[in-house]
Amino acid sequence: MGHTLRRAAGAALTAVAAAAVLVGCTEEPQKQVMPGPTSTATAAPQEALALAERYRAAGGDPDVYGIQVEDGPEGVPRVVIRTRNADQADAIFRRQNTSVTTHLTTKEGASFKKGYFIDVFGPDGRLIHRMDARP
């Protein structure tokens, strides 16, 4: 009886291991999210404050107080947003993302031909959203 139990346990472990390997197999390579900080200083650099001021003056989200566009890997820009709103709701993030990137392309001349990475940091400096928006 003990031998049968060991054999069944071995078969179960083999099935679990095989399933774990197969989960990682897809026909298309998956996008890798750019590693980056999970927190930042709550005080934004002067340029980020000025860009956010222009964004808000153009009707942007009043909670956004810092916007930076940095060089990312492979020439893909990284957009960093600092917000006073700690709400992590996806709808808020999507609205901010669209609003900020539209402002950057139409008013600031940014190009996102290769896509972009976006990080949103809350009022305490903790990362509340990270997205890889490459095509």
N, C-alpha and C. Protein backbone atom coordinates (compact mmCIF):
# COMPACT_ATOMS: atom_id res chain seq x y z
N MET A 1 0.83 -1.19 0.00
CA MET A 1 0.00 0.00 0.00
C MET A 1 0.87 1.26 0.00
N GLY A 2 1.97 1.26 0.79
CA GLY A 2 2.86 2.41 0.85
C GLY A 2 3.50 2.68 -0.50
N HIS A 3 3.82 1.60 -1.23
CA HIS A 3 4.44 1.74 -2.54
C HIS A 3 3.46 2.41 -3.52
N THR A 4 2.20 2.04 -3.47
CA THR A 4 1.18 2.61 -4.34
C THR A 4 0.99 4.09 -4.03
N LEU A 5 1.01 4.44 -2.74
CA LEU A 5 0.86 5.84 -2.34
C LEU A 5 2.05 6.67 -2.82
N ARG A 6 3.27 6.12 -2.70
CA ARG A 6 4.45 6.84 -3.18
C ARG A 6 4.39 7.03 -4.69
N ARG A 7 3.94 6.00 -5.39
CA ARG A 7 3.85 6.07 -6.85
C ARG A 7 2.83 7.15 -7.25
N ALA A 8 1.69 7.21 -6.58
CA ALA A 8 0.66 8.21 -6.87
C ALA A 8 1.17 9.61 -6.57
N ALA A 9 1.87 9.77 -5.46
CA ALA A 9 2.43 11.08 -5.10
C ALA A 9 3.47 11.51 -6.13
N GLY A 10 4.30 10.59 -6.58
CA GLY A 10 5.30 10.89 -7.61
C GLY A 10 4.65 11.33 -8.91
N ALA A 11 3.57 10.63 -9.30
CA ALA A 11 2.86 10.98 -10.52
C ALA A 11 2.23 12.36 -10.40
N ALA A 12 1.69 12.68 -9.23
CA ALA A 12 1.08 13.99 -9.01
C ALA A 12 2.13 15.08 -9.10
N LEU A 13 3.29 14.87 -8.50
CA LEU A 13 4.36 15.86 -8.56
C LEU A 13 4.85 16.06 -9.99
N THR A 14 4.95 14.97 -10.74
CA THR A 14 5.36 15.07 -12.14
C THR A 14 4.35 15.88 -12.94
N ALA A 15 3.07 15.66 -12.71
CA ALA A 15 2.02 16.40 -13.42
C ALA A 15 2.07 17.88 -13.08
N VAL A 16 2.29 18.20 -11.82
CA VAL A 16 2.37 19.61 -11.40
C VAL A 16 3.58 20.27 -12.03
N ALA A 17 4.72 19.59 -12.04
CA ALA A 17 5.93 20.16 -12.64
C ALA A 17 5.74 20.38 -14.14
N ALA A 18 5.11 19.42 -14.82
CA ALA A 18 4.87 19.56 -16.25
C ALA A 18 3.93 20.72 -16.53
N ALA A 19 2.91 20.88 -15.72
CA ALA A 19 1.97 21.99 -15.89
C ALA A 19 2.68 23.32 -15.69
N ALA A 20 3.58 23.39 -14.71
CA ALA A 20 4.31 24.63 -14.45
C ALA A 20 5.18 24.99 -15.63
N VAL A 21 5.80 24.00 -16.27
CA VAL A 21 6.63 24.26 -17.44
C VAL A 21 5.77 24.74 -18.60
N LEU A 22 4.62 24.09 -18.81
CA LEU A 22 3.75 24.44 -19.93
C LEU A 22 3.12 25.80 -19.79
N VAL A 23 2.89 26.25 -18.57
CA VAL A 23 2.28 27.57 -18.35
C VAL A 23 3.16 28.65 -18.95
N GLY A 24 4.46 28.50 -18.89
CA GLY A 24 5.38 29.50 -19.42
C GLY A 24 5.52 29.45 -20.93
N CYS A 25 4.97 28.45 -21.60
CA CYS A 25 5.11 28.29 -23.04
C CYS A 25 3.97 28.98 -23.77
N THR A 26 4.30 29.93 -24.60
CA THR A 26 3.32 30.58 -25.44
C THR A 26 3.93 30.74 -26.82
N GLU A 27 3.10 30.99 -27.79
CA GLU A 27 3.61 31.16 -29.14
C GLU A 27 4.25 32.53 -29.32
N GLU A 28 3.78 33.53 -28.60
CA GLU A 28 4.34 34.87 -28.70
C GLU A 28 5.11 35.18 -27.44
N PRO A 29 6.26 35.85 -27.59
CA PRO A 29 6.99 36.22 -26.37
C PRO A 29 6.19 37.22 -25.57
N GLN A 30 6.21 37.07 -24.25
CA GLN A 30 5.48 37.99 -23.39
C GLN A 30 6.33 39.22 -23.14
N LYS A 31 5.65 40.36 -23.02
CA LYS A 31 6.35 41.61 -22.70
C LYS A 31 6.90 41.52 -21.29
N GLN A 32 8.07 42.02 -21.11
CA GLN A 32 8.66 42.10 -19.79
C GLN A 32 8.46 43.52 -19.27
N VAL A 33 7.96 43.63 -18.07
CA VAL A 33 7.80 44.95 -17.47
C VAL A 33 9.18 45.45 -17.07
N MET A 34 9.48 46.66 -17.44
CA MET A 34 10.77 47.23 -17.13
C MET A 34 10.95 47.31 -15.63
N PRO A 35 12.04 46.78 -15.13
CA PRO A 35 12.26 46.94 -13.70
C PRO A 35 12.51 48.41 -13.39
N GLY A 36 12.10 48.79 -12.27
CA GLY A 36 12.29 50.17 -11.87
C GLY A 36 12.06 50.29 -10.39
N PRO A 37 12.15 51.48 -9.88
CA PRO A 37 11.96 51.66 -8.44
C PRO A 37 10.52 51.38 -8.02
N THR A 38 10.36 50.95 -6.80
CA THR A 38 9.02 50.74 -6.26
C THR A 38 8.62 51.88 -5.35
N SER A 39 9.52 52.82 -5.17
CA SER A 39 9.20 54.03 -4.42
C SER A 39 10.12 55.14 -4.91
N THR A 40 9.73 56.35 -4.62
CA THR A 40 10.53 57.50 -5.02
C THR A 40 10.31 58.60 -3.99
N ALA A 41 11.12 59.62 -4.07
CA ALA A 41 10.94 60.76 -3.18
C ALA A 41 9.62 61.43 -3.53
N THR A 42 8.95 61.97 -2.54
CA THR A 42 7.68 62.64 -2.81
C THR A 42 7.90 63.99 -3.47
N ALA A 43 9.07 64.59 -3.31
CA ALA A 43 9.37 65.87 -3.95
C ALA A 43 9.85 65.61 -5.37
N ALA A 44 9.16 66.17 -6.33
CA ALA A 44 9.52 65.99 -7.73
C ALA A 44 10.59 67.00 -8.14
N PRO A 45 11.44 66.65 -9.10
CA PRO A 45 12.42 67.62 -9.61
C PRO A 45 11.70 68.83 -10.22
N GLN A 46 12.38 69.95 -10.28
CA GLN A 46 11.80 71.20 -10.77
C GLN A 46 11.19 71.05 -12.16
N GLU A 47 11.89 70.34 -13.07
CA GLU A 47 11.36 70.16 -14.43
C GLU A 47 10.05 69.37 -14.41
N ALA A 48 9.96 68.39 -13.52
CA ALA A 48 8.74 67.58 -13.41
C ALA A 48 7.58 68.41 -12.87
N LEU A 49 7.89 69.31 -11.94
CA LEU A 49 6.86 70.21 -11.40
C LEU A 49 6.35 71.15 -12.49
N ALA A 50 7.29 71.69 -13.29
CA ALA A 50 6.91 72.63 -14.35
C ALA A 50 6.08 71.94 -15.43
N LEU A 51 6.45 70.73 -15.80
CA LEU A 51 5.69 69.99 -16.81
C LEU A 51 4.28 69.68 -16.30
N ALA A 52 4.18 69.28 -15.04
CA ALA A 52 2.87 68.99 -14.45
C ALA A 52 2.02 70.27 -14.38
N GLU A 53 2.64 71.39 -14.11
CA GLU A 53 1.90 72.66 -14.07
C GLU A 53 1.32 72.98 -15.45
N ARG A 54 2.12 72.79 -16.50
CA ARG A 54 1.61 73.03 -17.86
C ARG A 54 0.47 72.06 -18.18
N TYR A 55 0.61 70.82 -17.76
CA TYR A 55 -0.42 69.79 -17.97
C TYR A 55 -1.72 70.19 -17.26
N ARG A 56 -1.63 70.59 -16.00
CA ARG A 56 -2.84 70.99 -15.25
C ARG A 56 -3.46 72.25 -15.85
N ALA A 57 -2.63 73.21 -16.28
CA ALA A 57 -3.13 74.45 -16.89
C ALA A 57 -3.90 74.16 -18.18
N ALA A 58 -3.55 73.06 -18.84
CA ALA A 58 -4.24 72.66 -20.07
C ALA A 58 -5.46 71.80 -19.78
N GLY A 59 -5.84 71.69 -18.50
CA GLY A 59 -7.04 70.93 -18.14
C GLY A 59 -6.78 69.54 -17.62
N GLY A 60 -5.53 69.23 -17.32
CA GLY A 60 -5.18 67.90 -16.83
C GLY A 60 -5.60 67.67 -15.38
N ASP A 61 -5.45 66.45 -14.95
CA ASP A 61 -5.82 66.00 -13.60
C ASP A 61 -5.15 66.87 -12.53
N PRO A 62 -5.94 67.52 -11.67
CA PRO A 62 -5.36 68.40 -10.65
C PRO A 62 -4.54 67.66 -9.60
N ASP A 63 -4.69 66.33 -9.49
CA ASP A 63 -3.91 65.55 -8.51
C ASP A 63 -2.49 65.29 -8.98
N VAL A 64 -2.22 65.42 -10.27
CA VAL A 64 -0.88 65.16 -10.80
C VAL A 64 0.00 66.38 -10.51
N TYR A 65 1.08 66.14 -9.74
CA TYR A 65 1.95 67.27 -9.41
C TYR A 65 3.36 67.12 -9.95
N GLY A 66 3.66 66.01 -10.60
CA GLY A 66 4.98 65.81 -11.21
C GLY A 66 4.88 64.88 -12.40
N ILE A 67 5.52 65.28 -13.51
CA ILE A 67 5.59 64.43 -14.71
C ILE A 67 7.01 64.50 -15.25
N GLN A 68 7.59 63.35 -15.45
CA GLN A 68 8.92 63.27 -16.05
C GLN A 68 8.86 62.31 -17.22
N VAL A 69 9.65 62.59 -18.24
CA VAL A 69 9.85 61.66 -19.35
C VAL A 69 11.35 61.40 -19.39
N GLU A 70 11.70 60.13 -19.17
CA GLU A 70 13.11 59.73 -19.09
C GLU A 70 13.43 58.76 -20.21
N ASP A 71 14.71 58.62 -20.50
CA ASP A 71 15.14 57.59 -21.44
C ASP A 71 14.99 56.24 -20.77
N GLY A 72 14.38 55.32 -21.48
CA GLY A 72 14.23 53.95 -20.99
C GLY A 72 15.06 53.01 -21.84
N PRO A 73 14.94 51.72 -21.59
CA PRO A 73 15.72 50.76 -22.35
C PRO A 73 15.29 50.71 -23.82
N GLU A 74 16.25 50.44 -24.70
CA GLU A 74 16.00 50.27 -26.14
C GLU A 74 15.33 51.50 -26.75
N GLY A 75 15.58 52.67 -26.20
CA GLY A 75 15.01 53.89 -26.75
C GLY A 75 13.54 54.09 -26.48
N VAL A 76 12.99 53.30 -25.55
CA VAL A 76 11.57 53.42 -25.19
C VAL A 76 11.47 54.37 -24.00
N PRO A 77 10.72 55.48 -24.14
CA PRO A 77 10.63 56.43 -23.04
C PRO A 77 9.92 55.86 -21.81
N ARG A 78 10.30 56.38 -20.66
CA ARG A 78 9.65 56.02 -19.39
C ARG A 78 9.00 57.29 -18.86
N VAL A 79 7.69 57.23 -18.64
CA VAL A 79 6.94 58.36 -18.10
C VAL A 79 6.74 58.10 -16.61
N VAL A 80 7.11 59.08 -15.80
CA VAL A 80 6.95 58.97 -14.35
C VAL A 80 5.95 60.04 -13.92
N ILE A 81 4.89 59.59 -13.27
CA ILE A 81 3.85 60.51 -12.78
C ILE A 81 3.85 60.46 -11.27
N ARG A 82 3.78 61.63 -10.65
CA ARG A 82 3.58 61.72 -9.20
C ARG A 82 2.19 62.32 -8.98
N THR A 83 1.41 61.66 -8.14
CA THR A 83 0.04 62.10 -7.91
C THR A 83 -0.25 62.22 -6.43
N ARG A 84 -1.16 63.11 -6.10
CA ARG A 84 -1.62 63.26 -4.71
C ARG A 84 -2.73 62.26 -4.38
N ASN A 85 -3.24 61.57 -5.40
CA ASN A 85 -4.33 60.62 -5.23
C ASN A 85 -3.77 59.22 -4.98
N ALA A 86 -4.02 58.67 -3.81
CA ALA A 86 -3.50 57.35 -3.45
C ALA A 86 -4.39 56.21 -3.95
N ASP A 87 -5.54 56.55 -4.55
CA ASP A 87 -6.47 55.53 -5.03
C ASP A 87 -5.81 54.71 -6.15
N GLN A 88 -5.82 53.40 -6.01
CA GLN A 88 -5.19 52.53 -6.99
C GLN A 88 -6.16 51.98 -8.02
N ALA A 89 -7.34 52.54 -8.10
CA ALA A 89 -8.37 52.05 -9.03
C ALA A 89 -7.85 52.11 -10.47
N ASP A 90 -8.11 51.04 -11.21
CA ASP A 90 -7.66 50.95 -12.59
C ASP A 90 -8.25 52.06 -13.44
N ALA A 91 -9.49 52.42 -13.22
CA ALA A 91 -10.14 53.47 -14.02
C ALA A 91 -9.41 54.81 -13.85
N ILE A 92 -8.97 55.11 -12.65
CA ILE A 92 -8.24 56.36 -12.40
C ILE A 92 -6.90 56.32 -13.14
N PHE A 93 -6.20 55.17 -13.05
CA PHE A 93 -4.92 55.03 -13.74
C PHE A 93 -5.09 55.19 -15.24
N ARG A 94 -6.07 54.52 -15.81
CA ARG A 94 -6.28 54.60 -17.26
C ARG A 94 -6.59 56.04 -17.70
N ARG A 95 -7.40 56.73 -16.91
CA ARG A 95 -7.74 58.12 -17.24
C ARG A 95 -6.48 59.00 -17.17
N GLN A 96 -5.68 58.84 -16.10
CA GLN A 96 -4.43 59.61 -15.98
C GLN A 96 -3.47 59.27 -17.11
N ASN A 97 -3.31 58.00 -17.39
CA ASN A 97 -2.40 57.55 -18.43
C ASN A 97 -2.77 58.19 -19.77
N THR A 98 -4.02 58.11 -20.14
CA THR A 98 -4.48 58.68 -21.41
C THR A 98 -4.30 60.19 -21.42
N SER A 99 -4.69 60.84 -20.34
CA SER A 99 -4.62 62.29 -20.25
C SER A 99 -3.17 62.79 -20.33
N VAL A 100 -2.29 62.17 -19.56
CA VAL A 100 -0.89 62.60 -19.54
C VAL A 100 -0.20 62.32 -20.87
N THR A 101 -0.36 61.12 -21.41
CA THR A 101 0.33 60.80 -22.67
C THR A 101 -0.22 61.62 -23.84
N THR A 102 -1.51 61.91 -23.82
CA THR A 102 -2.07 62.78 -24.87
C THR A 102 -1.46 64.18 -24.76
N HIS A 103 -1.37 64.71 -23.55
CA HIS A 103 -0.75 66.03 -23.35
C HIS A 103 0.71 66.01 -23.83
N LEU A 104 1.43 64.97 -23.45
CA LEU A 104 2.84 64.90 -23.83
C LEU A 104 3.04 64.86 -25.34
N THR A 105 2.18 64.15 -26.05
CA THR A 105 2.34 64.07 -27.50
C THR A 105 1.81 65.30 -28.22
N THR A 106 0.68 65.84 -27.77
CA THR A 106 0.08 66.96 -28.50
C THR A 106 0.63 68.33 -28.09
N LYS A 107 1.00 68.49 -26.84
CA LYS A 107 1.44 69.81 -26.36
C LYS A 107 2.95 69.90 -26.11
N GLU A 108 3.59 68.77 -25.83
CA GLU A 108 5.00 68.80 -25.45
C GLU A 108 5.92 68.19 -26.52
N GLY A 109 5.31 67.61 -27.57
CA GLY A 109 6.11 67.07 -28.68
C GLY A 109 6.77 65.72 -28.41
N ALA A 110 6.32 65.00 -27.41
CA ALA A 110 6.89 63.68 -27.12
C ALA A 110 6.46 62.69 -28.20
N SER A 111 7.30 61.71 -28.43
CA SER A 111 6.99 60.66 -29.41
C SER A 111 6.99 59.31 -28.70
N PHE A 112 5.94 58.57 -28.92
CA PHE A 112 5.82 57.24 -28.33
C PHE A 112 5.69 56.19 -29.43
N LYS A 113 6.46 56.37 -30.52
CA LYS A 113 6.42 55.44 -31.65
C LYS A 113 6.73 54.01 -31.23
N LYS A 114 7.66 53.89 -30.29
CA LYS A 114 8.05 52.56 -29.80
C LYS A 114 7.25 52.17 -28.56
N GLY A 115 6.25 52.97 -28.22
CA GLY A 115 5.50 52.75 -26.99
C GLY A 115 6.17 53.50 -25.85
N TYR A 116 5.86 53.11 -24.62
CA TYR A 116 6.43 53.75 -23.45
C TYR A 116 6.22 52.86 -22.23
N PHE A 117 6.98 53.16 -21.21
CA PHE A 117 6.77 52.58 -19.89
C PHE A 117 6.16 53.69 -19.05
N ILE A 118 5.31 53.33 -18.10
CA ILE A 118 4.74 54.37 -17.24
C ILE A 118 4.73 53.86 -15.79
N ASP A 119 5.19 54.72 -14.90
CA ASP A 119 5.15 54.45 -13.47
C ASP A 119 4.39 55.59 -12.82
N VAL A 120 3.48 55.24 -11.92
CA VAL A 120 2.72 56.25 -11.16
C VAL A 120 3.02 56.05 -9.69
N PHE A 121 3.49 57.11 -9.06
CA PHE A 121 3.81 57.08 -7.64
C PHE A 121 2.79 57.91 -6.87
N GLY A 122 2.33 57.37 -5.75
CA GLY A 122 1.34 58.04 -4.92
C GLY A 122 1.93 59.11 -4.03
N PRO A 123 1.08 59.70 -3.18
CA PRO A 123 1.51 60.83 -2.34
C PRO A 123 2.58 60.47 -1.33
N ASP A 124 2.71 59.19 -0.98
CA ASP A 124 3.76 58.79 -0.03
C ASP A 124 5.01 58.28 -0.75
N GLY A 125 5.04 58.37 -2.08
CA GLY A 125 6.20 57.96 -2.84
C GLY A 125 6.21 56.50 -3.25
N ARG A 126 5.17 55.75 -2.86
CA ARG A 126 5.11 54.33 -3.24
C ARG A 126 4.53 54.15 -4.64
N LEU A 127 5.04 53.15 -5.35
CA LEU A 127 4.55 52.83 -6.67
C LEU A 127 3.12 52.32 -6.57
N ILE A 128 2.21 52.94 -7.34
CA ILE A 128 0.83 52.46 -7.32
C ILE A 128 0.42 51.87 -8.67
N HIS A 129 1.14 52.17 -9.73
CA HIS A 129 0.88 51.57 -11.04
C HIS A 129 2.17 51.50 -11.84
N ARG A 130 2.31 50.44 -12.61
CA ARG A 130 3.43 50.28 -13.55
C ARG A 130 2.88 49.57 -14.77
N MET A 131 3.20 50.11 -15.95
CA MET A 131 2.70 49.50 -17.17
C MET A 131 3.73 49.59 -18.29
N ASP A 132 3.79 48.53 -19.07
CA ASP A 132 4.61 48.47 -20.27
C ASP A 132 3.65 48.68 -21.43
N ALA A 133 3.73 49.82 -22.10
CA ALA A 133 2.79 50.15 -23.18
C ALA A 133 3.49 50.10 -24.54
N ARG A 134 4.35 49.11 -24.71
CA ARG A 134 4.98 48.94 -26.02
C ARG A 134 4.02 48.14 -26.91
N PRO A 135 4.06 48.44 -28.23
CA PRO A 135 3.19 47.70 -29.16
C PRO A 135 3.57 46.23 -29.24
